[in-house]
Amino acid sequence: MRLASEGLRKALISNVALMDILETSAMAGGGAIYQSLFTDLSPEEIAQSTLIGAGLGIGGRLGGDYIGRKMGRHIDTVAPGAFDKYAKYVPVTRDGSAAVLKHLRKGDGSNNAYARGVRDLLESRRNMAGADAGTAEAILSYYLRNRADNIAQGGYALVSPMFMGGEKEGENA
């Protein structure tokens, strides 16, 4: 079991696409549960809605990342250092990941598996925007990547029952 979890940890750290799929699948499952509990959609309609929502989620991630990079790169070019005062609060920046690791290490020392795993994860996420990315680019690409999918997918899960069939009133009467 330990070898399997270690392999999964390494795969999630090194493969951003796998993490995207895992997070999008979790949100899709949540949307499907919501629809099964609170709507009158049929199982087929829930499955269809879930697949469409997952597609929107992946598209939202990629689109959010692209938009965040472009906006951040522009801000870093026009106003260098504009986001630097926020860097220590955002884990994917160099200052922020150092602060998170310092906090983790206070209790158990610097040589524990959890702190090393978090360090590796933060390093891989920090480099998603590229090693040469400025602070604004790293922050905006990270947050837009991780929020645009939730907005697209969750929004679709909430509104899809309004325009997907469901049972018609009086059909069972």
N, C-alpha and C. Protein backbone atom coordinates (compact mmCIF):
# COMPACT_ATOMS: atom_id res chain seq x y z
N MET A 1 0.83 -1.20 0.00
CA MET A 1 0.00 0.00 0.00
C MET A 1 0.87 1.26 0.00
N ARG A 2 1.95 1.22 0.78
CA ARG A 2 2.83 2.38 0.86
C ARG A 2 3.46 2.67 -0.49
N LEU A 3 3.86 1.61 -1.23
CA LEU A 3 4.45 1.81 -2.55
C LEU A 3 3.44 2.41 -3.52
N ALA A 4 2.21 1.97 -3.45
CA ALA A 4 1.17 2.51 -4.32
C ALA A 4 0.92 3.98 -4.02
N SER A 5 0.82 4.34 -2.75
CA SER A 5 0.57 5.74 -2.40
C SER A 5 1.77 6.61 -2.76
N GLU A 6 2.97 6.09 -2.62
CA GLU A 6 4.16 6.84 -3.00
C GLU A 6 4.19 7.06 -4.52
N GLY A 7 3.81 6.02 -5.27
CA GLY A 7 3.75 6.16 -6.72
C GLY A 7 2.70 7.17 -7.15
N LEU A 8 1.54 7.16 -6.50
CA LEU A 8 0.49 8.12 -6.81
C LEU A 8 0.94 9.54 -6.47
N ARG A 9 1.59 9.70 -5.33
CA ARG A 9 2.09 11.02 -4.92
C ARG A 9 3.06 11.56 -5.96
N LYS A 10 3.99 10.72 -6.39
CA LYS A 10 4.98 11.16 -7.39
C LYS A 10 4.31 11.48 -8.71
N ALA A 11 3.31 10.67 -9.09
CA ALA A 11 2.61 10.93 -10.35
C ALA A 11 1.85 12.25 -10.30
N LEU A 12 1.20 12.53 -9.18
CA LEU A 12 0.44 13.78 -9.05
C LEU A 12 1.37 14.99 -9.03
N ILE A 13 2.54 14.83 -8.43
CA ILE A 13 3.48 15.95 -8.36
C ILE A 13 4.09 16.22 -9.73
N SER A 14 4.43 15.17 -10.44
CA SER A 14 5.15 15.37 -11.69
C SER A 14 4.24 15.57 -12.90
N ASN A 15 2.97 15.22 -12.80
CA ASN A 15 2.09 15.26 -13.95
C ASN A 15 0.90 16.18 -13.67
N VAL A 16 0.98 17.40 -14.17
CA VAL A 16 -0.07 18.39 -13.93
C VAL A 16 -1.38 17.95 -14.58
N ALA A 17 -1.32 17.30 -15.73
CA ALA A 17 -2.54 16.86 -16.40
C ALA A 17 -3.29 15.83 -15.56
N LEU A 18 -2.56 14.94 -14.89
CA LEU A 18 -3.20 13.94 -14.03
C LEU A 18 -3.91 14.63 -12.86
N MET A 19 -3.28 15.64 -12.30
CA MET A 19 -3.90 16.39 -11.21
C MET A 19 -5.14 17.12 -11.72
N ASP A 20 -5.08 17.67 -12.92
CA ASP A 20 -6.24 18.33 -13.52
C ASP A 20 -7.40 17.35 -13.66
N ILE A 21 -7.10 16.16 -14.16
CA ILE A 21 -8.14 15.15 -14.36
C ILE A 21 -8.73 14.71 -13.02
N LEU A 22 -7.89 14.51 -12.03
CA LEU A 22 -8.36 14.09 -10.71
C LEU A 22 -9.26 15.15 -10.08
N GLU A 23 -8.83 16.40 -10.11
CA GLU A 23 -9.63 17.47 -9.51
C GLU A 23 -10.94 17.68 -10.28
N THR A 24 -10.88 17.61 -11.60
CA THR A 24 -12.09 17.78 -12.40
C THR A 24 -13.06 16.63 -12.18
N SER A 25 -12.53 15.42 -12.04
CA SER A 25 -13.38 14.26 -11.77
C SER A 25 -14.08 14.39 -10.41
N ALA A 26 -13.35 14.89 -9.42
CA ALA A 26 -13.95 15.07 -8.09
C ALA A 26 -15.09 16.08 -8.16
N MET A 27 -14.90 17.16 -8.87
CA MET A 27 -15.95 18.17 -9.02
C MET A 27 -17.12 17.60 -9.82
N ALA A 28 -16.82 16.80 -10.84
CA ALA A 28 -17.89 16.18 -11.64
C ALA A 28 -18.72 15.25 -10.76
N GLY A 29 -18.06 14.49 -9.90
CA GLY A 29 -18.79 13.61 -8.98
C GLY A 29 -19.67 14.39 -8.04
N GLY A 30 -19.17 15.51 -7.54
CA GLY A 30 -19.98 16.36 -6.66
C GLY A 30 -21.19 16.93 -7.39
N GLY A 31 -21.00 17.33 -8.64
CA GLY A 31 -22.12 17.84 -9.43
C GLY A 31 -23.16 16.76 -9.68
N ALA A 32 -22.71 15.54 -9.94
CA ALA A 32 -23.63 14.43 -10.18
C ALA A 32 -24.42 14.10 -8.91
N ILE A 33 -23.76 14.13 -7.77
CA ILE A 33 -24.46 13.88 -6.51
C ILE A 33 -25.51 14.96 -6.25
N TYR A 34 -25.13 16.22 -6.48
CA TYR A 34 -26.08 17.33 -6.33
C TYR A 34 -27.30 17.10 -7.21
N GLN A 35 -27.05 16.76 -8.48
CA GLN A 35 -28.16 16.60 -9.41
C GLN A 35 -29.03 15.40 -9.05
N SER A 36 -28.42 14.34 -8.55
CA SER A 36 -29.24 13.17 -8.20
C SER A 36 -30.09 13.42 -6.96
N LEU A 37 -29.61 14.25 -6.05
CA LEU A 37 -30.35 14.52 -4.82
C LEU A 37 -31.39 15.64 -4.97
N PHE A 38 -31.09 16.65 -5.76
CA PHE A 38 -31.92 17.84 -5.75
C PHE A 38 -32.61 18.16 -7.07
N THR A 39 -32.52 17.27 -8.05
CA THR A 39 -33.22 17.52 -9.31
C THR A 39 -34.01 16.27 -9.69
N ASP A 40 -34.82 16.41 -10.70
CA ASP A 40 -35.56 15.25 -11.20
C ASP A 40 -34.98 14.74 -12.50
N LEU A 41 -33.69 14.98 -12.73
CA LEU A 41 -33.03 14.50 -13.94
C LEU A 41 -32.91 12.97 -13.89
N SER A 42 -33.01 12.37 -15.04
CA SER A 42 -32.85 10.92 -15.13
C SER A 42 -31.35 10.59 -15.02
N PRO A 43 -31.01 9.34 -14.73
CA PRO A 43 -29.59 8.96 -14.67
C PRO A 43 -28.84 9.25 -15.98
N GLU A 44 -29.53 9.08 -17.11
CA GLU A 44 -28.89 9.38 -18.39
C GLU A 44 -28.59 10.86 -18.52
N GLU A 45 -29.54 11.70 -18.09
CA GLU A 45 -29.32 13.14 -18.15
C GLU A 45 -28.23 13.58 -17.19
N ILE A 46 -28.16 12.96 -16.03
CA ILE A 46 -27.10 13.28 -15.07
C ILE A 46 -25.75 12.89 -15.65
N ALA A 47 -25.67 11.73 -16.28
CA ALA A 47 -24.41 11.30 -16.89
C ALA A 47 -23.99 12.25 -18.00
N GLN A 48 -24.95 12.65 -18.82
CA GLN A 48 -24.66 13.59 -19.91
C GLN A 48 -24.20 14.93 -19.35
N SER A 49 -24.89 15.42 -18.36
CA SER A 49 -24.54 16.69 -17.73
C SER A 49 -23.15 16.61 -17.08
N THR A 50 -22.84 15.48 -16.46
CA THR A 50 -21.55 15.30 -15.81
C THR A 50 -20.42 15.32 -16.83
N LEU A 51 -20.61 14.64 -17.95
CA LEU A 51 -19.58 14.63 -19.00
C LEU A 51 -19.37 16.02 -19.60
N ILE A 52 -20.46 16.72 -19.86
CA ILE A 52 -20.35 18.08 -20.39
C ILE A 52 -19.65 18.97 -19.38
N GLY A 53 -20.04 18.85 -18.10
CA GLY A 53 -19.41 19.65 -17.05
C GLY A 53 -17.93 19.35 -16.91
N ALA A 54 -17.54 18.08 -17.02
CA ALA A 54 -16.12 17.72 -16.95
C ALA A 54 -15.35 18.33 -18.11
N GLY A 55 -15.94 18.31 -19.29
CA GLY A 55 -15.30 18.94 -20.45
C GLY A 55 -15.15 20.44 -20.25
N LEU A 56 -16.19 21.06 -19.71
CA LEU A 56 -16.10 22.49 -19.41
C LEU A 56 -15.04 22.76 -18.35
N GLY A 57 -14.92 21.85 -17.37
CA GLY A 57 -13.93 22.02 -16.32
C GLY A 57 -12.51 21.98 -16.86
N ILE A 58 -12.22 21.00 -17.71
CA ILE A 58 -10.88 20.91 -18.31
C ILE A 58 -10.62 22.14 -19.18
N GLY A 59 -11.62 22.52 -19.97
CA GLY A 59 -11.48 23.73 -20.79
C GLY A 59 -11.29 24.97 -19.95
N GLY A 60 -12.01 25.05 -18.83
CA GLY A 60 -11.87 26.18 -17.92
C GLY A 60 -10.47 26.24 -17.31
N ARG A 61 -9.92 25.10 -16.97
CA ARG A 61 -8.56 25.06 -16.43
C ARG A 61 -7.55 25.59 -17.44
N LEU A 62 -7.64 25.05 -18.65
CA LEU A 62 -6.67 25.46 -19.67
C LEU A 62 -6.86 26.92 -20.06
N GLY A 63 -8.12 27.33 -20.19
CA GLY A 63 -8.40 28.73 -20.52
C GLY A 63 -7.99 29.67 -19.41
N GLY A 64 -8.29 29.30 -18.17
CA GLY A 64 -7.89 30.14 -17.03
C GLY A 64 -6.39 30.27 -16.92
N ASP A 65 -5.67 29.18 -17.15
CA ASP A 65 -4.21 29.21 -17.13
C ASP A 65 -3.67 30.13 -18.21
N TYR A 66 -4.22 30.02 -19.41
CA TYR A 66 -3.77 30.85 -20.53
C TYR A 66 -4.02 32.33 -20.26
N ILE A 67 -5.24 32.63 -19.82
CA ILE A 67 -5.59 34.03 -19.54
C ILE A 67 -4.74 34.57 -18.40
N GLY A 68 -4.57 33.77 -17.35
CA GLY A 68 -3.75 34.20 -16.21
C GLY A 68 -2.31 34.48 -16.60
N ARG A 69 -1.76 33.62 -17.45
CA ARG A 69 -0.38 33.85 -17.91
C ARG A 69 -0.26 35.14 -18.70
N LYS A 70 -1.20 35.33 -19.63
CA LYS A 70 -1.15 36.54 -20.47
C LYS A 70 -1.32 37.81 -19.62
N MET A 71 -2.31 37.79 -18.73
CA MET A 71 -2.53 38.96 -17.88
C MET A 71 -1.33 39.20 -16.97
N GLY A 72 -0.84 38.13 -16.35
CA GLY A 72 0.29 38.25 -15.43
C GLY A 72 1.55 38.72 -16.12
N ARG A 73 1.80 38.17 -17.32
CA ARG A 73 2.99 38.59 -18.06
C ARG A 73 2.91 40.07 -18.42
N HIS A 74 1.70 40.51 -18.79
CA HIS A 74 1.51 41.92 -19.12
C HIS A 74 1.74 42.79 -17.88
N ILE A 75 1.20 42.38 -16.75
CA ILE A 75 1.39 43.15 -15.51
C ILE A 75 2.86 43.16 -15.12
N ASP A 76 3.53 42.01 -15.23
CA ASP A 76 4.96 41.96 -14.89
C ASP A 76 5.79 42.85 -15.80
N THR A 77 5.35 43.04 -17.05
CA THR A 77 6.07 43.89 -17.99
C THR A 77 5.78 45.37 -17.73
N VAL A 78 4.51 45.70 -17.54
CA VAL A 78 4.10 47.10 -17.38
C VAL A 78 4.41 47.62 -15.99
N ALA A 79 4.17 46.81 -14.97
CA ALA A 79 4.37 47.24 -13.58
C ALA A 79 5.15 46.17 -12.82
N PRO A 80 6.44 46.06 -13.08
CA PRO A 80 7.23 45.04 -12.40
C PRO A 80 7.14 45.20 -10.88
N GLY A 81 6.96 44.11 -10.20
CA GLY A 81 6.90 44.15 -8.74
C GLY A 81 5.54 44.49 -8.17
N ALA A 82 4.51 44.64 -9.02
CA ALA A 82 3.19 45.02 -8.53
C ALA A 82 2.59 43.97 -7.60
N PHE A 83 2.89 42.71 -7.82
CA PHE A 83 2.34 41.63 -7.01
C PHE A 83 3.32 41.12 -5.96
N ASP A 84 4.50 41.71 -5.90
CA ASP A 84 5.53 41.19 -5.00
C ASP A 84 5.11 41.21 -3.53
N LYS A 85 4.32 42.20 -3.12
CA LYS A 85 3.92 42.27 -1.71
C LYS A 85 2.94 41.14 -1.34
N TYR A 86 2.33 40.49 -2.36
CA TYR A 86 1.41 39.38 -2.10
C TYR A 86 2.09 38.02 -2.21
N ALA A 87 3.32 38.00 -2.66
CA ALA A 87 4.01 36.74 -2.97
C ALA A 87 4.12 35.82 -1.76
N LYS A 88 4.34 36.37 -0.58
CA LYS A 88 4.53 35.51 0.58
C LYS A 88 3.23 34.85 1.04
N TYR A 89 2.09 35.30 0.52
CA TYR A 89 0.81 34.72 0.89
C TYR A 89 0.31 33.67 -0.11
N VAL A 90 0.99 33.52 -1.21
CA VAL A 90 0.56 32.60 -2.26
C VAL A 90 1.57 31.46 -2.38
N PRO A 91 1.15 30.24 -2.07
CA PRO A 91 2.10 29.13 -2.01
C PRO A 91 2.87 28.84 -3.29
N VAL A 92 2.34 29.19 -4.46
CA VAL A 92 3.05 28.85 -5.69
C VAL A 92 4.14 29.84 -6.05
N THR A 93 4.30 30.89 -5.29
CA THR A 93 5.42 31.79 -5.52
C THR A 93 6.61 31.31 -4.69
N ARG A 94 7.79 31.76 -5.02
CA ARG A 94 8.97 31.33 -4.28
C ARG A 94 8.90 31.74 -2.81
N ASP A 95 8.49 32.97 -2.54
CA ASP A 95 8.36 33.44 -1.15
C ASP A 95 7.26 32.69 -0.41
N GLY A 96 6.15 32.46 -1.08
CA GLY A 96 5.03 31.77 -0.45
C GLY A 96 5.33 30.33 -0.14
N SER A 97 5.99 29.63 -1.05
CA SER A 97 6.32 28.23 -0.78
C SER A 97 7.34 28.14 0.35
N ALA A 98 8.25 29.09 0.42
CA ALA A 98 9.20 29.10 1.54
C ALA A 98 8.48 29.32 2.86
N ALA A 99 7.49 30.19 2.89
CA ALA A 99 6.73 30.46 4.11
C ALA A 99 5.93 29.23 4.53
N VAL A 100 5.31 28.54 3.58
CA VAL A 100 4.53 27.34 3.89
C VAL A 100 5.45 26.26 4.47
N LEU A 101 6.59 26.07 3.84
CA LEU A 101 7.52 25.05 4.32
C LEU A 101 8.07 25.39 5.70
N LYS A 102 8.34 26.64 5.92
CA LYS A 102 8.83 27.06 7.25
C LYS A 102 7.78 26.74 8.30
N HIS A 103 6.52 27.01 7.98
CA HIS A 103 5.43 26.72 8.90
C HIS A 103 5.31 25.21 9.16
N LEU A 104 5.42 24.40 8.11
CA LEU A 104 5.32 22.95 8.25
C LEU A 104 6.46 22.38 9.10
N ARG A 105 7.62 22.94 8.93
CA ARG A 105 8.80 22.40 9.60
C ARG A 105 8.90 22.77 11.07
N LYS A 106 8.17 23.75 11.51
CA LYS A 106 8.26 24.20 12.90
C LYS A 106 8.01 23.08 13.89
N GLY A 107 7.00 22.27 13.64
CA GLY A 107 6.64 21.23 14.59
C GLY A 107 7.51 19.99 14.53
N ASP A 108 7.81 19.51 13.34
CA ASP A 108 8.47 18.22 13.21
C ASP A 108 9.90 18.30 12.70
N GLY A 109 10.44 19.46 12.54
CA GLY A 109 11.78 19.54 11.96
C GLY A 109 11.68 19.53 10.45
N SER A 110 12.80 19.73 9.80
CA SER A 110 12.78 19.89 8.34
C SER A 110 12.84 18.58 7.59
N ASN A 111 13.08 17.48 8.27
CA ASN A 111 13.26 16.23 7.54
C ASN A 111 12.11 15.26 7.79
N ASN A 112 10.90 15.67 7.45
CA ASN A 112 9.79 14.72 7.54
C ASN A 112 9.17 14.56 6.15
N ALA A 113 8.57 13.42 5.94
CA ALA A 113 8.05 13.07 4.61
C ALA A 113 6.96 14.03 4.15
N TYR A 114 6.12 14.48 5.06
CA TYR A 114 5.03 15.38 4.69
C TYR A 114 5.58 16.70 4.17
N ALA A 115 6.54 17.28 4.89
CA ALA A 115 7.13 18.55 4.45
C ALA A 115 7.83 18.39 3.11
N ARG A 116 8.51 17.29 2.91
CA ARG A 116 9.18 17.06 1.62
C ARG A 116 8.16 16.91 0.50
N GLY A 117 7.05 16.21 0.77
CA GLY A 117 6.01 16.06 -0.24
C GLY A 117 5.37 17.39 -0.61
N VAL A 118 5.08 18.21 0.40
CA VAL A 118 4.52 19.54 0.14
C VAL A 118 5.51 20.39 -0.63
N ARG A 119 6.78 20.30 -0.27
CA ARG A 119 7.82 21.06 -0.99
C ARG A 119 7.83 20.66 -2.46
N ASP A 120 7.80 19.37 -2.74
CA ASP A 120 7.83 18.90 -4.13
C ASP A 120 6.58 19.35 -4.89
N LEU A 121 5.43 19.27 -4.24
CA LEU A 121 4.19 19.70 -4.87
C LEU A 121 4.22 21.19 -5.18
N LEU A 122 4.63 21.99 -4.21
CA LEU A 122 4.69 23.43 -4.43
C LEU A 122 5.68 23.79 -5.51
N GLU A 123 6.80 23.10 -5.54
CA GLU A 123 7.80 23.38 -6.57
C GLU A 123 7.25 23.06 -7.95
N SER A 124 6.53 21.95 -8.08
CA SER A 124 5.97 21.61 -9.39
C SER A 124 4.90 22.62 -9.79
N ARG A 125 4.09 23.07 -8.84
CA ARG A 125 3.04 24.05 -9.16
C ARG A 125 3.64 25.42 -9.46
N ARG A 126 4.71 25.76 -8.75
CA ARG A 126 5.36 27.04 -8.98
C ARG A 126 5.93 27.09 -10.40
N ASN A 127 6.40 25.97 -10.88
CA ASN A 127 7.01 25.95 -12.20
C ASN A 127 6.00 25.71 -13.32
N MET A 128 4.71 25.59 -12.99
CA MET A 128 3.70 25.45 -14.03
C MET A 128 3.70 26.67 -14.94
N ALA A 129 3.89 27.83 -14.38
CA ALA A 129 3.89 29.05 -15.17
C ALA A 129 5.21 29.25 -15.89
N GLY A 130 6.19 28.41 -15.59
CA GLY A 130 7.51 28.52 -16.20
C GLY A 130 8.51 29.05 -15.21
N ALA A 131 9.71 28.59 -15.32
CA ALA A 131 10.76 28.98 -14.37
C ALA A 131 11.07 30.48 -14.44
N ASP A 132 10.84 31.08 -15.60
CA ASP A 132 11.14 32.50 -15.77
C ASP A 132 9.92 33.41 -15.52
N ALA A 133 8.82 32.84 -15.07
CA ALA A 133 7.60 33.62 -14.85
C ALA A 133 7.79 34.60 -13.71
N GLY A 134 7.23 35.78 -13.88
CA GLY A 134 7.24 36.77 -12.82
C GLY A 134 6.18 36.45 -11.77
N THR A 135 6.15 37.24 -10.72
CA THR A 135 5.24 36.98 -9.62
C THR A 135 3.77 37.08 -10.05
N ALA A 136 3.42 38.12 -10.78
CA ALA A 136 2.03 38.27 -11.22
C ALA A 136 1.62 37.12 -12.13
N GLU A 137 2.50 36.71 -13.03
CA GLU A 137 2.18 35.61 -13.93
C GLU A 137 1.97 34.31 -13.15
N ALA A 138 2.82 34.03 -12.19
CA ALA A 138 2.69 32.80 -11.39
C ALA A 138 1.38 32.81 -10.59
N ILE A 139 1.07 33.95 -9.96
CA ILE A 139 -0.12 34.03 -9.13
C ILE A 139 -1.40 33.94 -9.97
N LEU A 140 -1.48 34.73 -11.03
CA LEU A 140 -2.71 34.76 -11.82
C LEU A 140 -2.94 33.46 -12.58
N SER A 141 -1.88 32.87 -13.13
CA SER A 141 -2.08 31.61 -13.85
C SER A 141 -2.51 30.51 -12.90
N TYR A 142 -1.94 30.49 -11.69
CA TYR A 142 -2.31 29.47 -10.71
C TYR A 142 -3.77 29.62 -10.28
N TYR A 143 -4.14 30.82 -9.86
CA TYR A 143 -5.49 31.02 -9.35
C TYR A 143 -6.56 30.91 -10.43
N LEU A 144 -6.30 31.46 -11.61
CA LEU A 144 -7.30 31.33 -12.66
C LEU A 144 -7.42 29.89 -13.15
N ARG A 145 -6.32 29.16 -13.17
CA ARG A 145 -6.37 27.74 -13.55
C ARG A 145 -7.21 26.96 -12.55
N ASN A 146 -7.03 27.25 -11.27
CA ASN A 146 -7.71 26.47 -10.24
C ASN A 146 -9.11 26.97 -9.90
N ARG A 147 -9.53 28.08 -10.43
CA ARG A 147 -10.87 28.57 -10.14
C ARG A 147 -11.78 28.57 -11.35
N ALA A 148 -11.23 28.79 -12.53
CA ALA A 148 -12.07 28.85 -13.73
C ALA A 148 -12.77 27.52 -13.98
N ASP A 149 -12.12 26.41 -13.67
CA ASP A 149 -12.77 25.11 -13.87
C ASP A 149 -13.93 24.93 -12.92
N ASN A 150 -13.76 25.33 -11.67
CA ASN A 150 -14.85 25.20 -10.70
C ASN A 150 -16.04 26.07 -11.08
N ILE A 151 -15.77 27.25 -11.55
CA ILE A 151 -16.84 28.15 -11.96
C ILE A 151 -17.59 27.57 -13.16
N ALA A 152 -16.85 27.11 -14.17
CA ALA A 152 -17.49 26.56 -15.37
C ALA A 152 -18.26 25.29 -15.04
N GLN A 153 -17.62 24.39 -14.33
CA GLN A 153 -18.23 23.09 -14.04
C GLN A 153 -19.38 23.20 -13.05
N GLY A 154 -19.16 23.93 -11.96
CA GLY A 154 -20.21 24.10 -10.96
C GLY A 154 -21.39 24.88 -11.50
N GLY A 155 -21.10 25.90 -12.28
CA GLY A 155 -22.17 26.69 -12.89
C GLY A 155 -23.02 25.84 -13.82
N TYR A 156 -22.38 25.00 -14.60
CA TYR A 156 -23.13 24.13 -15.50
C TYR A 156 -23.98 23.13 -14.71
N ALA A 157 -23.41 22.56 -13.64
CA ALA A 157 -24.17 21.61 -12.83
C ALA A 157 -25.41 22.26 -12.22
N LEU A 158 -25.29 23.54 -11.85
CA LEU A 158 -26.42 24.25 -11.25
C LEU A 158 -27.50 24.61 -12.27
N VAL A 159 -27.10 25.02 -13.47
CA VAL A 159 -28.11 25.50 -14.43
C VAL A 159 -28.59 24.43 -15.39
N SER A 160 -27.86 23.33 -15.56
CA SER A 160 -28.27 22.34 -16.54
C SER A 160 -29.65 21.74 -16.27
N PRO A 161 -30.07 21.55 -15.01
CA PRO A 161 -31.43 21.03 -14.81
C PRO A 161 -32.52 21.96 -15.36
N MET A 162 -32.21 23.24 -15.54
CA MET A 162 -33.21 24.17 -16.05
C MET A 162 -33.50 23.95 -17.53
N PHE A 163 -32.51 23.45 -18.27
CA PHE A 163 -32.76 23.26 -19.69
C PHE A 163 -32.62 21.83 -20.16
N MET A 164 -32.31 20.92 -19.25
CA MET A 164 -32.35 19.50 -19.59
C MET A 164 -33.71 18.98 -19.14
N GLY A 165 -34.31 18.12 -19.89
CA GLY A 165 -35.66 17.62 -19.68
C GLY A 165 -36.13 17.42 -18.26
N GLY A 166 -35.73 16.33 -17.63
CA GLY A 166 -36.34 15.97 -16.35
C GLY A 166 -37.75 15.48 -16.62
N GLU A 167 -38.45 15.10 -15.60
CA GLU A 167 -39.83 14.63 -15.76
C GLU A 167 -40.75 15.83 -15.93
N LYS A 168 -41.70 15.70 -16.84
CA LYS A 168 -42.67 16.78 -17.06
C LYS A 168 -43.73 16.72 -15.99
N GLU A 169 -44.21 17.90 -15.60
CA GLU A 169 -45.28 17.98 -14.59
C GLU A 169 -46.50 17.22 -15.10
N GLY A 170 -47.12 16.43 -14.24
CA GLY A 170 -48.33 15.72 -14.59
C GLY A 170 -48.10 14.46 -15.38
N GLU A 171 -46.84 14.12 -15.68
CA GLU A 171 -46.55 12.93 -16.47
C GLU A 171 -46.90 11.66 -15.70
N ASN A 172 -46.70 11.68 -14.39
CA ASN A 172 -46.96 10.49 -13.58
C ASN A 172 -48.37 10.48 -12.99
N ALA A 173 -49.19 11.42 -13.31
CA ALA A 173 -50.53 11.52 -12.72
C ALA A 173 -51.49 10.55 -13.30
